[in-house]
Amino acid sequence: MQTHMVPVGFDYDRLIAPLVREQMDVDRVILLEGSVGSEANVEYSRNLAEKLEQDYRNLLGANTERVAIEDVYDYDTAFEQAFELINEELDRGNEVWVNVSAMPRTVSFAFATAAHSIMVEREGDRDRIHTYYTVPEKYLETELAKELRAQRDLLADLQAEAEGPAAARVQERFESARSLLSEFDERGTTIGAKEIDGSHVVELPVASFSNVKPFEEVILFTLGEHGEFESVSELAQRLARELGEEYTDSFRSKVIYNVDRLGPGGKGYIEQESQGKSYRTRLSRIGQLWVRSHSRNGSDTDLDL
């Protein structure tokens, strides 16, 4: 079976036309709907999702499911949700296709990065995970602006002929069209930069290109549980206690080696800050996402340490 995960934004054609034109097998569709934004935007997106749901069934015979994404600007939660959804479909034996053409970039990148992360972890399933993008044939923004210019010019001509209340309405619509076009010409299709969680920059962490080994998993989960350590030695001591190991120079060297492999020069799951002769050690952003999206159940048992 083929499952398509489709984040729904303000596009229709790019989410269904390629599947129809390429005559792809589509057995199941998961429509991802955002519920944050202006009331008009949320309603518009919801209407598109309803239309897509019907057409996936009628045109492609696919079973559809609609899944809510509470905050389309929360990259971490979207990544975690994507990681879970993709793994669930793979566990069912399905092939997964992720469409990243629509919805805010935070969601699209989160789903693409999660798919890549799973490809790394599940080497045997790489050929069953796909991300794809569809290029639009035409952008309607420029067409709408062109039409609005024509309406503005028509309103300008009508101003001289309009009388009474009609003249006021014509003037109001003319000024509104002129103001909107002025903003479009000056700023493009969007305005401003929205602050999210105290910052105007939403960082998009990059997934590792290497799988995580069993002992590396233990280190990551320990950092996730206890947070920052003042030094690698302190981390090694904590690991020795939790694993029932003797804290020796050999064990400490093993921890240092694996922390280096997980650090900036390796897989990027750990970041370190120099503090005298020690290195303050903590999870990086992608490391935090790795811990959040993996269950500890079964991860710290029967390990070849």
Protein backbone atom coordinates (compact mmCIF):
# COMPACT_ATOMS: atom_id res chain seq x y z
CA MET A 1 0.00 0.00 0.00
CA GLN A 2 1.07 3.57 -0.69
CA THR A 3 0.36 6.26 1.90
CA HIS A 4 0.66 9.93 0.97
CA MET A 5 1.15 12.51 3.71
CA VAL A 6 -0.12 15.87 2.52
CA PRO A 7 0.28 19.08 4.58
CA VAL A 8 -2.62 21.31 3.45
CA GLY A 9 -1.99 25.02 2.99
CA PHE A 10 -3.54 27.23 0.33
CA ASP A 11 -2.90 24.99 -2.69
CA TYR A 12 -5.15 22.45 -4.35
CA ASP A 13 -3.69 21.41 -7.72
CA ARG A 14 -0.18 20.67 -6.46
CA LEU A 15 -1.57 18.29 -3.84
CA ILE A 16 -3.60 16.08 -6.16
CA ALA A 17 -2.86 16.85 -9.85
CA PRO A 18 0.56 15.11 -9.95
CA LEU A 19 -0.93 11.93 -8.51
CA VAL A 20 -3.70 11.90 -11.12
CA ARG A 21 -1.46 12.81 -14.05
CA GLU A 22 1.28 10.35 -13.09
CA GLN A 23 -1.39 7.68 -12.47
CA MET A 24 0.21 6.84 -9.14
CA ASP A 25 -1.21 4.24 -6.79
CA VAL A 26 -2.68 6.03 -3.79
CA ASP A 27 -4.26 3.73 -1.22
CA ARG A 28 -4.26 6.01 1.80
CA VAL A 29 -3.93 9.77 2.31
CA ILE A 30 -3.20 11.61 5.55
CA LEU A 31 -4.24 15.26 5.25
CA LEU A 32 -2.41 17.47 7.75
CA GLU A 33 -4.39 20.55 8.73
CA GLY A 34 -3.10 23.58 10.61
CA SER A 35 -5.26 25.26 13.23
CA VAL A 36 -3.21 28.39 13.91
CA GLY A 37 -3.44 31.66 12.01
CA SER A 38 -6.11 34.17 11.11
CA GLU A 39 -9.67 32.91 11.13
CA ALA A 40 -9.94 33.50 7.38
CA ASN A 41 -6.74 31.53 6.64
CA VAL A 42 -7.75 28.59 8.83
CA GLU A 43 -11.22 28.48 7.27
CA TYR A 44 -9.79 28.67 3.74
CA SER A 45 -7.37 25.83 4.44
CA ARG A 46 -10.11 23.73 6.07
CA ASN A 47 -12.34 24.14 3.00
CA LEU A 48 -9.50 23.00 0.77
CA ALA A 49 -8.92 19.97 2.99
CA GLU A 50 -12.59 19.01 2.69
CA LYS A 51 -12.44 19.29 -1.11
CA LEU A 52 -9.19 17.31 -1.24
CA GLU A 53 -10.66 14.62 1.00
CA GLN A 54 -13.60 14.15 -1.37
CA ASP A 55 -11.48 14.19 -4.52
CA TYR A 56 -8.86 11.77 -3.20
CA ARG A 57 -11.71 9.35 -2.63
CA ASN A 58 -13.60 10.02 -5.87
CA LEU A 59 -10.66 10.38 -8.29
CA LEU A 60 -8.11 8.03 -6.73
CA GLY A 61 -10.22 5.72 -4.58
CA ALA A 62 -8.03 6.45 -1.56
CA ASN A 63 -8.98 6.16 2.09
CA THR A 64 -8.41 9.53 3.73
CA GLU A 65 -7.68 10.69 7.25
CA ARG A 66 -7.43 14.28 8.49
CA VAL A 67 -4.86 14.97 11.22
CA ALA A 68 -4.57 18.30 13.04
CA ILE A 69 -1.28 20.15 13.48
CA GLU A 70 -1.94 22.45 16.41
CA ASP A 71 0.77 25.01 15.66
CA VAL A 72 2.15 25.17 12.11
CA TYR A 73 5.08 27.29 13.34
CA ASP A 74 6.23 24.81 16.00
CA TYR A 75 8.97 22.97 14.10
CA ASP A 76 9.90 20.63 16.96
CA THR A 77 6.36 19.33 17.49
CA ALA A 78 5.80 18.97 13.74
CA PHE A 79 9.04 16.97 13.46
CA GLU A 80 7.99 14.70 16.32
CA GLN A 81 4.54 14.22 14.80
CA ALA A 82 6.02 13.46 11.37
CA PHE A 83 8.49 10.98 12.87
CA GLU A 84 5.67 9.09 14.56
CA LEU A 85 3.31 9.10 11.55
CA ILE A 86 5.95 7.94 9.06
CA ASN A 87 7.18 5.16 11.34
CA GLU A 88 3.62 3.97 11.94
CA GLU A 89 2.99 3.66 8.21
CA LEU A 90 6.28 1.83 7.64
CA ASP A 91 5.48 -0.55 10.49
CA ARG A 92 2.23 -1.37 8.72
CA GLY A 93 4.24 -2.32 5.65
CA ASN A 94 3.20 0.74 3.66
CA GLU A 95 5.27 2.85 1.28
CA VAL A 96 5.29 6.50 2.37
CA TRP A 97 5.22 9.57 0.12
CA VAL A 98 5.52 13.01 1.75
CA ASN A 99 4.33 16.00 -0.29
CA VAL A 100 6.20 19.16 0.79
CA SER A 101 4.61 21.52 -1.76
CA ALA A 102 2.22 23.36 0.57
CA MET A 103 1.70 24.54 4.15
CA PRO A 104 4.13 26.82 6.03
CA ARG A 105 7.79 25.92 5.45
CA THR A 106 8.21 24.90 9.10
CA VAL A 107 5.86 21.95 8.61
CA SER A 108 7.17 21.01 5.17
CA PHE A 109 10.80 21.06 6.33
CA ALA A 110 9.93 19.20 9.52
CA PHE A 111 8.30 16.38 7.57
CA ALA A 112 11.13 16.28 5.01
CA THR A 113 13.80 16.19 7.73
CA ALA A 114 11.92 13.54 9.69
CA ALA A 115 11.65 11.40 6.55
CA HIS A 116 15.39 11.77 5.98
CA SER A 117 16.15 10.86 9.60
CA ILE A 118 14.07 7.71 9.32
CA MET A 119 15.84 6.78 6.08
CA VAL A 120 19.11 6.87 8.00
CA GLU A 121 17.77 4.78 10.88
CA ARG A 122 15.82 2.25 8.83
CA GLU A 123 18.26 1.42 6.06
CA GLY A 124 16.19 -1.52 4.89
CA ASP A 125 13.17 0.76 4.35
CA ARG A 126 14.89 3.55 2.42
CA ASP A 127 13.23 2.57 -0.84
CA ARG A 128 9.81 2.88 0.86
CA ILE A 129 10.26 6.53 1.94
CA HIS A 130 9.89 9.38 -0.55
CA THR A 131 9.61 13.16 -0.31
CA TYR A 132 8.43 15.12 -3.32
CA TYR A 133 7.61 18.63 -4.49
CA THR A 134 5.44 19.84 -7.37
CA VAL A 135 6.22 23.03 -9.29
CA PRO A 136 3.11 25.14 -10.04
CA GLU A 137 2.34 25.98 -13.64
CA LYS A 138 1.32 29.50 -12.67
CA TYR A 139 1.27 31.70 -9.59
CA LEU A 140 -2.07 33.42 -9.06
CA GLU A 141 -0.67 36.34 -7.04
CA THR A 142 0.59 38.14 -10.13
CA GLU A 143 -2.64 37.40 -11.99
CA LEU A 144 -4.68 38.77 -9.09
CA ALA A 145 -2.50 41.89 -8.96
CA LYS A 146 -2.93 42.40 -12.70
CA GLU A 147 -6.70 42.12 -12.37
CA LEU A 148 -6.74 44.47 -9.38
CA ARG A 149 -4.83 47.08 -11.38
CA ALA A 150 -7.48 46.91 -14.08
CA GLN A 151 -10.21 47.32 -11.45
CA ARG A 152 -8.36 50.27 -9.91
CA ASP A 153 -8.14 52.00 -13.30
CA LEU A 154 -11.83 51.36 -13.90
CA LEU A 155 -12.71 52.83 -10.52
CA ALA A 156 -10.63 55.90 -11.33
CA ASP A 157 -12.67 56.41 -14.50
CA LEU A 158 -15.95 55.92 -12.62
CA GLN A 159 -15.10 58.52 -10.00
CA ALA A 160 -15.88 61.36 -12.39
CA GLU A 161 -19.33 59.95 -13.21
CA ALA A 162 -20.45 58.70 -9.79
CA GLU A 163 -22.77 60.84 -7.68
CA GLY A 164 -24.15 60.75 -4.14
CA PRO A 165 -23.57 57.64 -1.99
CA ALA A 166 -22.23 55.73 -5.02
CA ALA A 167 -19.40 58.25 -5.37
CA ALA A 168 -18.29 57.63 -1.78
CA ARG A 169 -18.32 53.85 -2.32
CA VAL A 170 -16.32 54.15 -5.55
CA GLN A 171 -13.79 56.41 -3.83
CA GLU A 172 -13.48 53.98 -0.91
CA ARG A 173 -12.90 50.98 -3.18
CA PHE A 174 -10.44 52.94 -5.32
CA GLU A 175 -8.34 53.95 -2.30
CA SER A 176 -8.42 50.40 -0.92
CA ALA A 177 -7.23 48.92 -4.25
CA ARG A 178 -4.53 51.55 -4.64
CA SER A 179 -3.24 50.97 -1.09
CA LEU A 180 -3.17 47.18 -1.49
CA LEU A 181 -1.33 47.39 -4.82
CA SER A 182 1.17 49.80 -3.33
CA GLU A 183 1.97 47.30 -0.58
CA PHE A 184 2.19 44.46 -3.10
CA ASP A 185 4.60 46.39 -5.31
CA GLU A 186 6.75 47.38 -2.34
CA ARG A 187 6.74 44.17 -0.28
CA GLY A 188 5.61 41.29 -2.48
CA THR A 189 3.10 38.69 -1.29
CA THR A 190 3.80 38.94 2.45
CA ILE A 191 4.21 41.69 5.02
CA GLY A 192 6.41 41.87 8.08
CA ALA A 193 8.26 39.24 10.10
CA LYS A 194 6.29 37.50 12.84
CA GLU A 195 7.91 36.77 16.20
CA ILE A 196 7.68 33.11 17.25
CA ASP A 197 8.73 32.09 20.77
CA GLY A 198 10.67 35.32 21.31
CA SER A 199 12.55 35.24 18.00
CA HIS A 200 11.96 36.26 14.41
CA VAL A 201 14.18 33.40 13.22
CA VAL A 202 12.89 29.81 13.30
CA GLU A 203 15.98 27.63 13.03
CA LEU A 204 15.57 24.44 11.01
CA PRO A 205 18.04 21.84 12.33
CA VAL A 206 19.66 19.40 9.91
CA ALA A 207 19.38 15.66 10.43
CA SER A 208 22.44 13.46 10.82
CA PHE A 209 23.68 11.32 7.94
CA SER A 210 24.74 8.51 10.30
CA ASN A 211 22.75 6.10 12.41
CA VAL A 212 22.96 6.15 16.21
CA LYS A 213 24.78 3.25 17.84
CA PRO A 214 23.47 1.56 21.04
CA PHE A 215 25.91 3.21 23.46
CA GLU A 216 25.37 6.55 21.75
CA GLU A 217 21.64 6.09 22.38
CA VAL A 218 22.31 5.70 26.11
CA ILE A 219 24.33 8.93 26.12
CA LEU A 220 21.60 10.84 24.29
CA PHE A 221 18.82 9.61 26.54
CA THR A 222 20.91 10.42 29.63
CA LEU A 223 21.46 13.97 28.40
CA GLY A 224 17.77 14.22 27.58
CA GLU A 225 16.80 13.08 31.07
CA HIS A 226 19.32 15.06 33.13
CA GLY A 227 20.04 18.02 30.88
CA GLU A 228 23.40 19.77 30.82
CA PHE A 229 26.56 18.33 32.41
CA GLU A 230 29.43 20.51 33.58
CA SER A 231 31.98 18.16 31.99
CA VAL A 232 32.26 14.90 30.06
CA SER A 233 33.71 13.32 33.21
CA GLU A 234 30.54 14.20 35.13
CA LEU A 235 28.48 12.66 32.32
CA ALA A 236 30.66 9.54 32.38
CA GLN A 237 30.20 9.20 36.15
CA ARG A 238 26.43 9.44 35.78
CA LEU A 239 26.45 6.83 33.00
CA ALA A 240 28.61 4.45 35.07
CA ARG A 241 26.17 4.68 37.99
CA GLU A 242 23.09 4.15 35.84
CA LEU A 243 24.63 1.23 33.93
CA GLY A 244 26.15 -0.40 37.01
CA GLU A 245 29.63 -0.04 35.48
CA GLU A 246 32.87 0.68 37.31
CA TYR A 247 34.07 4.20 36.62
CA THR A 248 37.54 3.66 35.20
CA ASP A 249 39.82 5.55 32.83
CA SER A 250 38.82 3.07 30.14
CA PHE A 251 35.10 3.75 30.66
CA ARG A 252 35.69 7.51 30.73
CA SER A 253 37.67 7.29 27.46
CA LYS A 254 34.83 5.32 25.92
CA VAL A 255 32.35 8.07 26.86
CA ILE A 256 34.66 10.81 25.54
CA TYR A 257 35.06 8.93 22.24
CA ASN A 258 31.32 8.51 21.78
CA VAL A 259 30.56 12.09 22.80
CA ASP A 260 33.03 13.24 20.14
CA ARG A 261 31.24 11.06 17.58
CA LEU A 262 27.94 12.69 18.58
CA GLY A 263 29.39 16.22 18.67
CA PRO A 264 29.64 19.01 16.10
CA GLY A 265 32.42 17.28 14.18
CA GLY A 266 30.37 14.08 13.99
CA LYS A 267 26.63 13.51 14.03
CA GLY A 268 25.73 16.88 15.52
CA TYR A 269 23.44 15.60 18.29
CA ILE A 270 25.59 17.07 21.09
CA GLU A 271 27.05 20.53 21.53
CA GLN A 272 29.86 21.49 23.90
CA GLU A 273 31.07 24.75 25.39
CA SER A 274 34.63 25.16 26.58
CA GLN A 275 34.86 25.93 30.29
CA GLY A 276 38.49 25.98 31.38
CA LYS A 277 39.81 22.45 31.02
CA SER A 278 36.30 21.01 30.85
CA TYR A 279 33.53 21.03 28.27
CA ARG A 280 29.97 21.81 29.28
CA THR A 281 27.98 19.14 27.45
CA ARG A 282 24.34 19.21 26.35
CA LEU A 283 22.05 18.12 23.53
CA SER A 284 21.95 20.20 20.38
CA ARG A 285 18.61 21.16 18.83
CA ILE A 286 18.56 18.11 16.54
CA GLY A 287 19.69 15.99 19.50
CA GLN A 288 16.69 17.18 21.49
CA LEU A 289 14.44 16.28 18.57
CA TRP A 290 16.03 12.82 18.36
CA VAL A 291 15.32 12.17 22.05
CA ARG A 292 11.77 13.51 21.81
CA SER A 293 10.93 11.34 18.81
CA HIS A 294 12.37 8.08 20.18
CA SER A 295 10.89 5.99 22.93
CA ARG A 296 13.23 4.65 25.59
CA ASN A 297 11.27 1.42 25.73
CA GLY A 298 13.63 -1.21 24.52
CA SER A 299 16.41 1.26 23.80
CA ASP A 300 18.44 0.66 26.92
CA THR A 301 18.01 -3.09 27.32
CA ASP A 302 20.03 -5.92 25.80
CA LEU A 303 22.59 -3.47 24.47
CA ASP A 304 26.06 -4.50 23.43
CA LEU A 305 27.87 -1.82 25.37
